Amino acid sequence: MKHALASMPVLLAGALLLAASQQPAAAQRIVDLEIDDNVVTARLVLPLGLAAADLTIRFEEVVGLSESSLGLSLSRIGVLNPRLLARLPELGGLAGGLPMLLTISPPASGGLSFSGVVEVELYTRNLHYTQGSPLRLLKATGLGDFYDITDFMGSGSYRVRGTSGGFSVFLIGVEGRSPSAVIEDKYGALHDLLDDHADSIPAAVATTLQNHLDASELGGYGTGDLDLAIDELDDFIDVVEDNAGGTGIPNVWRSSQDLVNVAGELVAAARTLRFSLGLAP
């Protein structure tokens, strides 16, 4: 069976979700939303006490940030929904203890823009962190496949954070693949990002980034030297950040969707790869 439910027995999860589905949509709430400079905090609540989580969104630099320009919405998800499961990474599943989908979709006319990366963090008592936990923060663009963006997770009871160069939909899922399969997939994704946006990166910078990525993958990870693999990724991130903006690597996202935040996407992909390398045996 490709996908598996985690963190809650199937019958209990199904019963709770069925009961919740009979409640009015207004019962799904985003409450206590506050904005302090470049940080947004809010409480995400599902009906019947089914689940709740604290949301934190952090921007490096942001313009036009308000509750309306952010475009937050919350929905319940069916943890056995085959169409949703089919969009998860191979062997993945959904966290039965937190059956919610967070959408961040700033309206085009809202005037929101940011540079660098945005951090999305969730904290919930409905899930529990253990050493080697398979829980991950996943992101999808529109109706596309979900992918892991996690760059930190920890206890209390479960806290997870990911970075991104843009917005879309987010949920907590279960990683069922081996660490090596995840790492190889993330190396591939980072290579693809470099190739796809080569025309918008100064040639000398692109060469330097490719060299660091190859050194991380082949000279580090490929030889079992994880410290070297992580060090080279850190150098990769430093080069991106040092050359972001201006005539360098594009680093701005706008709600009008007319720009690609290349620097933000590269840094986010490198950070989640670094996270996975830190979990490698």
Protein backbone atom coordinates (compact mmCIF):
# COMPACT_ATOMS: atom_id res chain seq x y z
CA MET A 1 0.00 0.00 0.00
CA LYS A 2 1.57 3.26 -1.12
CA HIS A 3 0.35 5.59 1.60
CA ALA A 4 -0.16 5.19 5.34
CA LEU A 5 -2.05 7.15 8.00
CA ALA A 6 0.10 8.28 10.91
CA SER A 7 -0.41 9.56 14.44
CA MET A 8 -4.05 8.48 14.88
CA PRO A 9 -5.91 5.19 14.39
CA VAL A 10 -7.83 5.14 11.14
CA LEU A 11 -11.24 4.54 12.70
CA LEU A 12 -10.87 7.34 15.21
CA ALA A 13 -9.57 9.74 12.57
CA GLY A 14 -12.41 8.84 10.25
CA ALA A 15 -15.05 9.31 12.95
CA LEU A 16 -13.72 12.69 13.97
CA LEU A 17 -13.43 13.90 10.40
CA LEU A 18 -16.97 12.75 9.61
CA ALA A 19 -18.33 14.60 12.62
CA ALA A 20 -16.33 17.69 11.74
CA SER A 21 -17.53 17.62 8.15
CA GLN A 22 -21.09 18.06 9.40
CA GLN A 23 -20.20 21.39 11.02
CA PRO A 24 -20.57 24.72 9.22
CA ALA A 25 -17.53 25.92 7.30
CA ALA A 26 -17.27 28.91 9.64
CA ALA A 27 -16.16 26.51 12.37
CA GLN A 28 -12.79 26.37 10.68
CA ARG A 29 -11.13 29.47 11.99
CA ILE A 30 -8.01 31.56 11.83
CA VAL A 31 -8.03 33.56 15.05
CA ASP A 32 -5.79 35.88 17.05
CA LEU A 33 -3.97 37.05 13.94
CA GLU A 34 -1.31 39.62 14.76
CA ILE A 35 1.30 41.38 12.64
CA ASP A 36 4.45 42.74 14.23
CA ASP A 37 6.77 44.30 11.67
CA ASN A 38 7.73 41.34 9.41
CA VAL A 39 6.23 38.56 11.57
CA VAL A 40 2.68 37.18 11.38
CA THR A 41 1.21 34.95 14.10
CA ALA A 42 -2.20 33.29 14.20
CA ARG A 43 -4.10 30.38 15.70
CA LEU A 44 -5.51 27.75 13.32
CA VAL A 45 -8.57 25.94 14.72
CA LEU A 46 -10.66 23.04 13.40
CA PRO A 47 -14.16 22.32 14.82
CA LEU A 48 -15.06 20.01 17.73
CA GLY A 49 -11.61 20.38 19.19
CA LEU A 50 -10.38 18.17 16.36
CA ALA A 51 -7.08 19.98 15.94
CA ALA A 52 -5.37 23.31 16.41
CA ALA A 53 -1.99 24.80 15.60
CA ASP A 54 -0.06 28.02 16.07
CA LEU A 55 1.15 29.59 12.84
CA THR A 56 4.15 31.89 12.49
CA ILE A 57 5.19 33.47 9.20
CA ARG A 58 8.50 35.38 9.08
CA PHE A 59 9.72 37.53 6.22
CA GLU A 60 13.25 38.77 5.64
CA GLU A 61 11.94 41.99 4.10
CA VAL A 62 8.30 42.67 3.29
CA VAL A 63 6.18 45.49 1.88
CA GLY A 64 2.41 45.88 2.04
CA LEU A 65 1.83 43.25 4.72
CA SER A 66 -1.69 43.18 6.19
CA GLU A 67 -4.30 40.60 7.07
CA SER A 68 -6.12 41.15 3.79
CA SER A 69 -3.01 41.21 1.61
CA LEU A 70 -1.77 37.91 3.04
CA GLY A 71 -4.76 35.85 1.91
CA LEU A 72 -4.82 33.16 4.61
CA SER A 73 -7.43 30.41 4.59
CA LEU A 74 -7.84 27.06 6.34
CA SER A 75 -9.62 23.86 5.38
CA ARG A 76 -10.12 20.38 6.78
CA ILE A 77 -8.70 17.50 4.79
CA GLY A 78 -9.66 13.86 4.58
CA VAL A 79 -6.57 11.94 5.57
CA LEU A 80 -7.66 9.01 3.38
CA ASN A 81 -8.62 11.16 0.39
CA PRO A 82 -7.10 9.29 -2.60
CA ARG A 83 -6.70 12.42 -4.72
CA LEU A 84 -4.78 14.14 -1.95
CA LEU A 85 -2.69 11.07 -1.16
CA ALA A 86 -1.75 10.77 -4.84
CA ARG A 87 -0.11 14.21 -4.64
CA LEU A 88 2.22 13.22 -1.79
CA PRO A 89 5.80 11.97 -2.15
CA GLU A 90 6.15 8.24 -2.78
CA LEU A 91 5.24 6.12 0.29
CA GLY A 92 4.00 9.24 2.07
CA GLY A 93 0.93 9.76 4.22
CA LEU A 94 -0.98 12.43 6.09
CA ALA A 95 -0.72 13.22 9.78
CA GLY A 96 -4.06 12.08 11.21
CA GLY A 97 -3.61 14.27 14.27
CA LEU A 98 -3.59 17.48 12.22
CA PRO A 99 -5.95 17.12 9.23
CA MET A 100 -5.70 20.69 7.99
CA LEU A 101 -4.58 22.42 4.81
CA LEU A 102 -3.24 25.96 5.09
CA THR A 103 -3.52 28.17 2.04
CA ILE A 104 -1.51 31.38 1.71
CA SER A 105 -2.71 33.05 -1.46
CA PRO A 106 -2.17 36.81 -1.46
CA PRO A 107 -4.63 38.54 -3.83
CA ALA A 108 -2.98 39.98 -6.93
CA SER A 109 -4.28 43.46 -6.14
CA GLY A 110 -3.18 43.36 -2.50
CA GLY A 111 0.24 44.89 -3.05
CA LEU A 112 2.20 42.34 -0.99
CA SER A 113 5.84 41.77 -1.90
CA PHE A 114 8.87 40.35 -0.15
CA SER A 115 12.51 39.62 -0.83
CA GLY A 116 14.59 36.61 0.19
CA VAL A 117 12.81 33.71 1.83
CA VAL A 118 9.67 33.46 3.91
CA GLU A 119 9.56 31.04 6.85
CA VAL A 120 6.37 29.13 7.65
CA GLU A 121 6.27 27.49 11.08
CA LEU A 122 3.58 25.37 12.74
CA TYR A 123 3.38 24.32 16.37
CA THR A 124 0.73 21.86 17.55
CA ARG A 125 -0.08 19.75 20.57
CA ASN A 126 -2.01 17.32 18.39
CA LEU A 127 1.23 15.74 17.19
CA HIS A 128 4.26 14.68 19.18
CA TYR A 129 7.91 14.89 18.25
CA THR A 130 10.10 11.84 18.73
CA GLN A 131 13.65 11.17 17.62
CA GLY A 132 13.56 10.17 13.96
CA SER A 133 10.00 11.46 13.53
CA PRO A 134 8.78 11.07 9.91
CA LEU A 135 6.55 14.16 10.13
CA ARG A 136 7.39 16.88 7.62
CA LEU A 137 6.09 20.24 6.39
CA LEU A 138 4.97 19.85 2.78
CA LYS A 139 4.16 22.49 0.17
CA ALA A 140 2.38 22.35 -3.18
CA THR A 141 1.76 24.95 -5.84
CA GLY A 142 -1.89 25.01 -6.82
CA LEU A 143 -3.01 21.45 -7.55
CA GLY A 144 0.54 20.21 -8.09
CA ASP A 145 2.40 17.57 -6.10
CA PHE A 146 3.44 18.21 -2.52
CA TYR A 147 7.12 18.28 -1.65
CA ASP A 148 9.09 18.54 1.57
CA ILE A 149 10.33 22.01 2.54
CA THR A 150 11.25 21.20 6.17
CA ASP A 151 14.40 22.82 7.51
CA PHE A 152 13.71 22.41 11.23
CA MET A 153 11.58 20.29 13.53
CA GLY A 154 11.55 19.88 17.27
CA SER A 155 9.59 19.14 20.38
CA GLY A 156 6.98 20.99 22.31
CA SER A 157 4.81 19.01 21.33
CA TYR A 158 5.62 19.18 17.61
CA ARG A 159 7.13 22.17 15.91
CA VAL A 160 8.12 22.29 12.24
CA ARG A 161 9.44 25.03 9.99
CA GLY A 162 10.08 25.35 6.29
CA THR A 163 11.29 28.10 4.00
CA SER A 164 10.08 29.11 0.56
CA GLY A 165 10.52 31.70 -2.12
CA GLY A 166 6.76 32.04 -2.54
CA PHE A 167 3.37 30.91 -1.32
CA SER A 168 0.71 28.29 -1.99
CA VAL A 169 -0.68 25.43 0.16
CA PHE A 170 0.92 23.73 3.16
CA LEU A 171 0.25 20.69 5.33
CA ILE A 172 2.04 18.31 7.67
CA GLY A 173 2.63 14.91 6.09
CA VAL A 174 4.47 11.69 6.83
CA GLU A 175 7.71 10.81 5.06
CA GLY A 176 7.84 7.13 4.13
CA ARG A 177 10.95 7.06 1.95
CA SER A 178 14.47 6.17 3.03
CA PRO A 179 16.81 9.04 3.99
CA SER A 180 18.95 8.35 0.91
CA ALA A 181 15.94 8.52 -1.42
CA VAL A 182 14.90 11.87 0.08
CA ILE A 183 18.41 13.31 -0.16
CA GLU A 184 18.86 12.22 -3.76
CA ASP A 185 15.48 13.72 -4.66
CA LYS A 186 16.41 17.04 -3.05
CA TYR A 187 19.79 17.16 -4.79
CA GLY A 188 17.93 16.59 -8.06
CA ALA A 189 15.47 19.37 -7.28
CA LEU A 190 18.29 21.82 -6.55
CA HIS A 191 20.07 20.91 -9.79
CA ASP A 192 16.80 21.45 -11.67
CA LEU A 193 16.34 24.90 -10.10
CA LEU A 194 19.81 25.95 -11.19
CA ASP A 195 19.22 24.68 -14.72
CA ASP A 196 15.74 26.19 -15.02
CA HIS A 197 16.87 29.66 -13.95
CA ALA A 198 20.37 29.71 -15.44
CA ASP A 199 19.44 32.61 -17.74
CA SER A 200 18.60 34.85 -14.78
CA ILE A 201 21.78 34.13 -12.79
CA PRO A 202 25.08 35.86 -13.71
CA ALA A 203 27.30 33.30 -15.45
CA ALA A 204 30.18 33.47 -12.97
CA VAL A 205 27.79 33.14 -10.03
CA ALA A 206 26.01 30.19 -11.65
CA THR A 207 29.35 28.43 -12.14
CA THR A 208 30.30 28.98 -8.51
CA LEU A 209 26.95 27.65 -7.33
CA GLN A 210 27.24 24.59 -9.55
CA ASN A 211 30.72 23.90 -8.20
CA HIS A 212 29.52 24.06 -4.59
CA LEU A 213 26.54 21.85 -5.36
CA ASP A 214 28.70 19.26 -7.12
CA ALA A 215 31.21 19.33 -4.27
CA SER A 216 28.41 18.78 -1.77
CA GLU A 217 26.82 15.93 -3.70
CA LEU A 218 29.81 14.14 -5.20
CA GLY A 219 32.74 15.09 -2.98
CA GLY A 220 30.72 15.09 0.25
CA TYR A 221 27.56 13.01 0.25
CA GLY A 222 28.81 10.64 -2.44
CA THR A 223 31.88 9.72 -0.38
CA GLY A 224 30.08 9.56 2.97
CA ASP A 225 31.56 12.84 4.20
CA LEU A 226 28.36 14.48 5.47
CA ASP A 227 30.23 17.33 7.15
CA LEU A 228 31.74 18.34 3.81
CA ALA A 229 28.36 17.96 2.10
CA ILE A 230 26.76 20.34 4.61
CA ASP A 231 29.68 22.80 4.52
CA GLU A 232 29.45 23.06 0.74
CA LEU A 233 25.70 23.65 0.96
CA ASP A 234 26.32 26.41 3.49
CA ASP A 235 28.76 27.97 1.01
CA PHE A 236 26.10 27.59 -1.71
CA ILE A 237 23.58 29.48 0.44
CA ASP A 238 26.13 32.19 1.23
CA VAL A 239 26.87 32.74 -2.48
CA VAL A 240 23.16 33.04 -3.28
CA GLU A 241 22.55 35.52 -0.47
CA ASP A 242 25.67 37.56 -1.30
CA ASN A 243 24.57 37.91 -4.92
CA ALA A 244 20.81 38.35 -4.44
CA GLY A 245 19.05 41.41 -5.79
CA GLY A 246 20.12 44.24 -8.05
CA THR A 247 21.88 42.93 -11.14
CA GLY A 248 22.49 39.60 -9.44
CA ILE A 249 20.02 36.80 -8.71
CA PRO A 250 16.36 37.90 -8.71
CA ASN A 251 15.09 37.80 -5.13
CA VAL A 252 11.66 39.46 -5.08
CA TRP A 253 8.21 37.86 -4.96
CA ARG A 254 5.10 39.96 -5.69
CA SER A 255 1.43 39.16 -5.37
CA SER A 256 1.00 40.19 -9.00
CA GLN A 257 2.94 37.02 -9.85
CA ASP A 258 5.09 38.80 -12.43
CA LEU A 259 8.45 37.95 -10.85
CA VAL A 260 10.23 34.73 -9.90
CA ASN A 261 12.08 34.81 -6.58
CA VAL A 262 14.99 32.73 -7.82
CA ALA A 263 17.26 33.44 -4.86
CA GLY A 264 14.53 32.58 -2.37
CA GLU A 265 13.76 29.28 -4.09
CA LEU A 266 17.44 28.31 -4.25
CA VAL A 267 18.03 29.08 -0.57
CA ALA A 268 14.86 27.23 0.46
CA ALA A 269 15.82 24.13 -1.55
CA ALA A 270 19.34 24.15 -0.13
CA ARG A 271 18.07 24.53 3.45
CA THR A 272 15.69 21.58 3.26
CA LEU A 273 18.44 19.47 1.67
CA ARG A 274 20.76 20.49 4.50
CA PHE A 275 18.09 19.41 6.99
CA SER A 276 17.83 15.96 5.37
CA LEU A 277 21.60 15.54 5.30
CA GLY A 278 21.60 16.18 9.04
CA LEU A 279 19.25 13.21 9.49
CA ALA A 280 21.33 10.82 7.37
CA PRO A 281 22.65 7.77 9.26
